């Protein structure tokens, strides 16, 4: 793990678009909570409930090819969503980076890193 950054990969047996993967997992039980389909910038990703503005689990395609995909990445990220990146950057600028510290330090940072590991294992165990 890089400083404040955690990611793990998993593969599916079947190729999925992000929407199809979401449909396959949306009713499953995850330690991290209920998955959601979230528009973030130009992409759509699967997210789990955030612990705070700087600690959320994202699931997205792990390769550079066109959909459908079999390689996926589970990572720790900031609160995803169309307007959230702007708010997160603005808050970080206004506070001199103090609001971003929870993404690197503290109990939520450690907890989300553990949840990335657990969520990856849970997704892999589904045998998709």
C-alpha atoms as a PDB file:
ATOM      1  CA  UNK A   1       0.000   0.000   0.000  1.00  0.00           C
ATOM      2  CA  UNK A   2       1.230   3.467  -0.879  1.00  0.00           C
ATOM      3  CA  UNK A   3       0.875   6.226   1.700  1.00  0.00           C
ATOM      4  CA  UNK A   4      -2.901   6.527   2.252  1.00  0.00           C
ATOM      5  CA  UNK A   5      -3.751   4.436  -0.802  1.00  0.00           C
ATOM      6  CA  UNK A   6      -4.962   0.823  -0.863  1.00  0.00           C
ATOM      7  CA  UNK A   7      -6.043  -1.292  -3.824  1.00  0.00           C
ATOM      8  CA  UNK A   8      -6.587  -4.987  -4.522  1.00  0.00           C
ATOM      9  CA  UNK A   9      -7.527  -6.825  -7.683  1.00  0.00           C
ATOM     10  CA  UNK A  10      -9.891  -9.693  -8.394  1.00  0.00           C
ATOM     11  CA  UNK A  11     -11.104 -11.490 -11.508  1.00  0.00           C
ATOM     12  CA  UNK A  12     -14.504 -12.705 -12.570  1.00  0.00           C
ATOM     13  CA  UNK A  13     -15.049 -15.851 -14.630  1.00  0.00           C
ATOM     14  CA  UNK A  14     -17.672 -14.049 -16.699  1.00  0.00           C
ATOM     15  CA  UNK A  15     -17.083 -10.706 -18.401  1.00  0.00           C
ATOM     16  CA  UNK A  16     -19.308  -7.902 -17.093  1.00  0.00           C
ATOM     17  CA  UNK A  17     -19.925  -4.232 -17.687  1.00  0.00           C
ATOM     18  CA  UNK A  18     -19.875  -2.198 -14.463  1.00  0.00           C
ATOM     19  CA  UNK A  19     -23.676  -2.122 -14.509  1.00  0.00           C
ATOM     20  CA  UNK A  20     -23.883  -5.905 -14.958  1.00  0.00           C
ATOM     21  CA  UNK A  21     -21.427  -6.503 -12.116  1.00  0.00           C
ATOM     22  CA  UNK A  22     -23.497  -4.223  -9.908  1.00  0.00           C
ATOM     23  CA  UNK A  23     -26.667  -6.176 -10.791  1.00  0.00           C
ATOM     24  CA  UNK A  24     -24.857  -9.424  -9.893  1.00  0.00           C
ATOM     25  CA  UNK A  25     -23.774  -8.167  -6.444  1.00  0.00           C
ATOM     26  CA  UNK A  26     -26.402  -5.617  -5.378  1.00  0.00           C
ATOM     27  CA  UNK A  27     -28.424  -8.080  -3.290  1.00  0.00           C
ATOM     28  CA  UNK A  28     -25.412  -9.784  -1.682  1.00  0.00           C
ATOM     29  CA  UNK A  29     -24.281  -9.112   1.885  1.00  0.00           C
ATOM     30  CA  UNK A  30     -20.948  -7.349   2.331  1.00  0.00           C
ATOM     31  CA  UNK A  31     -19.104  -6.412   5.495  1.00  0.00           C
ATOM     32  CA  UNK A  32     -18.623  -2.917   4.017  1.00  0.00           C
ATOM     33  CA  UNK A  33     -22.385  -2.441   3.543  1.00  0.00           C
ATOM     34  CA  UNK A  34     -24.718  -2.193   0.575  1.00  0.00           C
ATOM     35  CA  UNK A  35     -23.122  -1.493  -2.822  1.00  0.00           C
ATOM     36  CA  UNK A  36     -24.329   1.395  -4.986  1.00  0.00           C
ATOM     37  CA  UNK A  37     -23.791   2.392  -8.594  1.00  0.00           C
ATOM     38  CA  UNK A  38     -22.220   5.868  -8.553  1.00  0.00           C
ATOM     39  CA  UNK A  39     -21.423   8.330 -11.324  1.00  0.00           C
ATOM     40  CA  UNK A  40     -17.985   9.806 -10.587  1.00  0.00           C
ATOM     41  CA  UNK A  41     -16.562  12.189 -13.156  1.00  0.00           C
ATOM     42  CA  UNK A  42     -16.837  10.547 -16.554  1.00  0.00           C
ATOM     43  CA  UNK A  43     -16.977   7.055 -15.058  1.00  0.00           C
ATOM     44  CA  UNK A  44     -19.516   4.911 -13.296  1.00  0.00           C
ATOM     45  CA  UNK A  45     -18.198   2.897 -10.366  1.00  0.00           C
ATOM     46  CA  UNK A  46     -19.546   0.682  -7.613  1.00  0.00           C
ATOM     47  CA  UNK A  47     -19.214   2.229  -4.169  1.00  0.00           C
ATOM     48  CA  UNK A  48     -19.912   1.146  -0.624  1.00  0.00           C
ATOM     49  CA  UNK A  49     -21.100   3.430   2.204  1.00  0.00           C
ATOM     50  CA  UNK A  50     -18.338   5.899   3.160  1.00  0.00           C
ATOM     51  CA  UNK A  51     -16.832   6.010   6.631  1.00  0.00           C
ATOM     52  CA  UNK A  52     -16.179   9.740   6.087  1.00  0.00           C
ATOM     53  CA  UNK A  53     -15.394  12.120   3.166  1.00  0.00           C
ATOM     54  CA  UNK A  54     -11.968  10.517   2.663  1.00  0.00           C
ATOM     55  CA  UNK A  55     -12.650   6.827   3.210  1.00  0.00           C
ATOM     56  CA  UNK A  56     -14.899   4.917   0.835  1.00  0.00           C
ATOM     57  CA  UNK A  57     -14.545   1.671  -1.111  1.00  0.00           C
ATOM     58  CA  UNK A  58     -14.683   1.878  -4.897  1.00  0.00           C
ATOM     59  CA  UNK A  59     -14.941  -1.027  -7.371  1.00  0.00           C
ATOM     60  CA  UNK A  60     -14.104  -0.395 -11.018  1.00  0.00           C
ATOM     61  CA  UNK A  61     -12.723  -2.125 -14.114  1.00  0.00           C
ATOM     62  CA  UNK A  62      -9.080  -2.990 -13.608  1.00  0.00           C
ATOM     63  CA  UNK A  63      -7.911  -2.946 -17.208  1.00  0.00           C
ATOM     64  CA  UNK A  64      -7.663  -0.592 -20.113  1.00  0.00           C
ATOM     65  CA  UNK A  65      -9.671  -2.614 -22.597  1.00  0.00           C
ATOM     66  CA  UNK A  66     -13.244  -1.930 -23.619  1.00  0.00           C
ATOM     67  CA  UNK A  67     -16.156  -3.518 -21.732  1.00  0.00           C
ATOM     68  CA  UNK A  68     -17.117  -6.109 -20.749  1.00  0.00           C
ATOM     69  CA  UNK A  69     -14.384  -6.799 -18.172  1.00  0.00           C
ATOM     70  CA  UNK A  70     -13.057  -9.723 -16.150  1.00  0.00           C
ATOM     71  CA  UNK A  71     -10.386  -7.798 -14.204  1.00  0.00           C
ATOM     72  CA  UNK A  72     -11.563  -5.510 -11.397  1.00  0.00           C
ATOM     73  CA  UNK A  73      -9.990  -3.265  -8.782  1.00  0.00           C
ATOM     74  CA  UNK A  74     -11.221  -2.618  -5.252  1.00  0.00           C
ATOM     75  CA  UNK A  75      -9.699   0.509  -3.765  1.00  0.00           C
ATOM     76  CA  UNK A  76      -9.884   2.996  -0.969  1.00  0.00           C
ATOM     77  CA  UNK A  77     -10.906   6.446  -2.187  1.00  0.00           C
ATOM     78  CA  UNK A  78     -12.517   9.725  -1.240  1.00  0.00           C
ATOM     79  CA  UNK A  79     -16.276  10.139  -1.277  1.00  0.00           C
ATOM     80  CA  UNK A  80     -17.238   9.469  -4.897  1.00  0.00           C
ATOM     81  CA  UNK A  81     -19.858  11.303  -6.882  1.00  0.00           C
ATOM     82  CA  UNK A  82     -20.136  14.022  -9.470  1.00  0.00           C
ATOM     83  CA  UNK A  83     -19.920  16.971  -7.047  1.00  0.00           C
ATOM     84  CA  UNK A  84     -17.930  15.357  -4.257  1.00  0.00           C
ATOM     85  CA  UNK A  85     -14.490  15.620  -5.897  1.00  0.00           C
ATOM     86  CA  UNK A  86     -14.880  19.389  -6.178  1.00  0.00           C
ATOM     87  CA  UNK A  87     -16.043  19.687  -2.550  1.00  0.00           C
ATOM     88  CA  UNK A  88     -13.231  17.428  -1.297  1.00  0.00           C
ATOM     89  CA  UNK A  89     -10.603  19.467  -3.157  1.00  0.00           C
ATOM     90  CA  UNK A  90     -12.081  22.760  -1.991  1.00  0.00           C
ATOM     91  CA  UNK A  91     -12.201  21.609   1.643  1.00  0.00           C
ATOM     92  CA  UNK A  92      -8.622  20.387   1.405  1.00  0.00           C
ATOM     93  CA  UNK A  93      -7.471  23.723  -0.065  1.00  0.00           C
ATOM     94  CA  UNK A  94      -9.347  25.821   2.505  1.00  0.00           C
ATOM     95  CA  UNK A  95      -8.034  23.793   5.445  1.00  0.00           C
ATOM     96  CA  UNK A  96      -4.508  23.396   4.139  1.00  0.00           C
ATOM     97  CA  UNK A  97      -5.008  19.661   3.710  1.00  0.00           C
ATOM     98  CA  UNK A  98      -6.280  19.062   7.250  1.00  0.00           C
ATOM     99  CA  UNK A  99      -9.590  17.593   6.037  1.00  0.00           C
ATOM    100  CA  UNK A 100      -7.695  15.074   3.898  1.00  0.00           C
ATOM    101  CA  UNK A 101      -5.764  13.723   6.883  1.00  0.00           C
ATOM    102  CA  UNK A 102      -8.521  11.247   7.786  1.00  0.00           C
ATOM    103  CA  UNK A 103      -7.791   9.488   4.489  1.00  0.00           C
ATOM    104  CA  UNK A 104      -4.287   8.682   5.689  1.00  0.00           C
ATOM    105  CA  UNK A 105      -4.364   8.699   9.493  1.00  0.00           C
ATOM    106  CA  UNK A 106      -6.789   7.575  12.147  1.00  0.00           C
ATOM    107  CA  UNK A 107      -9.175   4.738  12.809  1.00  0.00           C
ATOM    108  CA  UNK A 108     -11.246   5.224   9.626  1.00  0.00           C
ATOM    109  CA  UNK A 109      -8.145   5.028   7.420  1.00  0.00           C
ATOM    110  CA  UNK A 110      -7.124   1.751   9.028  1.00  0.00           C
ATOM    111  CA  UNK A 111     -10.684   0.405   8.964  1.00  0.00           C
ATOM    112  CA  UNK A 112     -11.197   1.178   5.246  1.00  0.00           C
ATOM    113  CA  UNK A 113      -7.903  -0.552   4.400  1.00  0.00           C
ATOM    114  CA  UNK A 114      -9.173  -3.655   6.181  1.00  0.00           C
ATOM    115  CA  UNK A 115     -12.529  -3.347   4.389  1.00  0.00           C
ATOM    116  CA  UNK A 116     -10.758  -3.201   1.000  1.00  0.00           C
ATOM    117  CA  UNK A 117      -9.148  -6.570   1.829  1.00  0.00           C
ATOM    118  CA  UNK A 118     -12.407  -8.073   3.122  1.00  0.00           C
ATOM    119  CA  UNK A 119     -14.526  -6.744   0.230  1.00  0.00           C
ATOM    120  CA  UNK A 120     -12.063  -8.134  -2.317  1.00  0.00           C
ATOM    121  CA  UNK A 121     -12.231 -11.537  -0.628  1.00  0.00           C
ATOM    122  CA  UNK A 122     -16.041 -11.405  -0.487  1.00  0.00           C
ATOM    123  CA  UNK A 123     -16.320 -10.462  -4.176  1.00  0.00           C
ATOM    124  CA  UNK A 124     -13.867 -13.188  -5.159  1.00  0.00           C
ATOM    125  CA  UNK A 125     -15.762 -15.755  -3.057  1.00  0.00           C
ATOM    126  CA  UNK A 126     -18.944 -15.096  -5.060  1.00  0.00           C
ATOM    127  CA  UNK A 127     -17.378 -16.992  -7.959  1.00  0.00           C
ATOM    128  CA  UNK A 128     -18.687 -14.586 -10.534  1.00  0.00           C
END
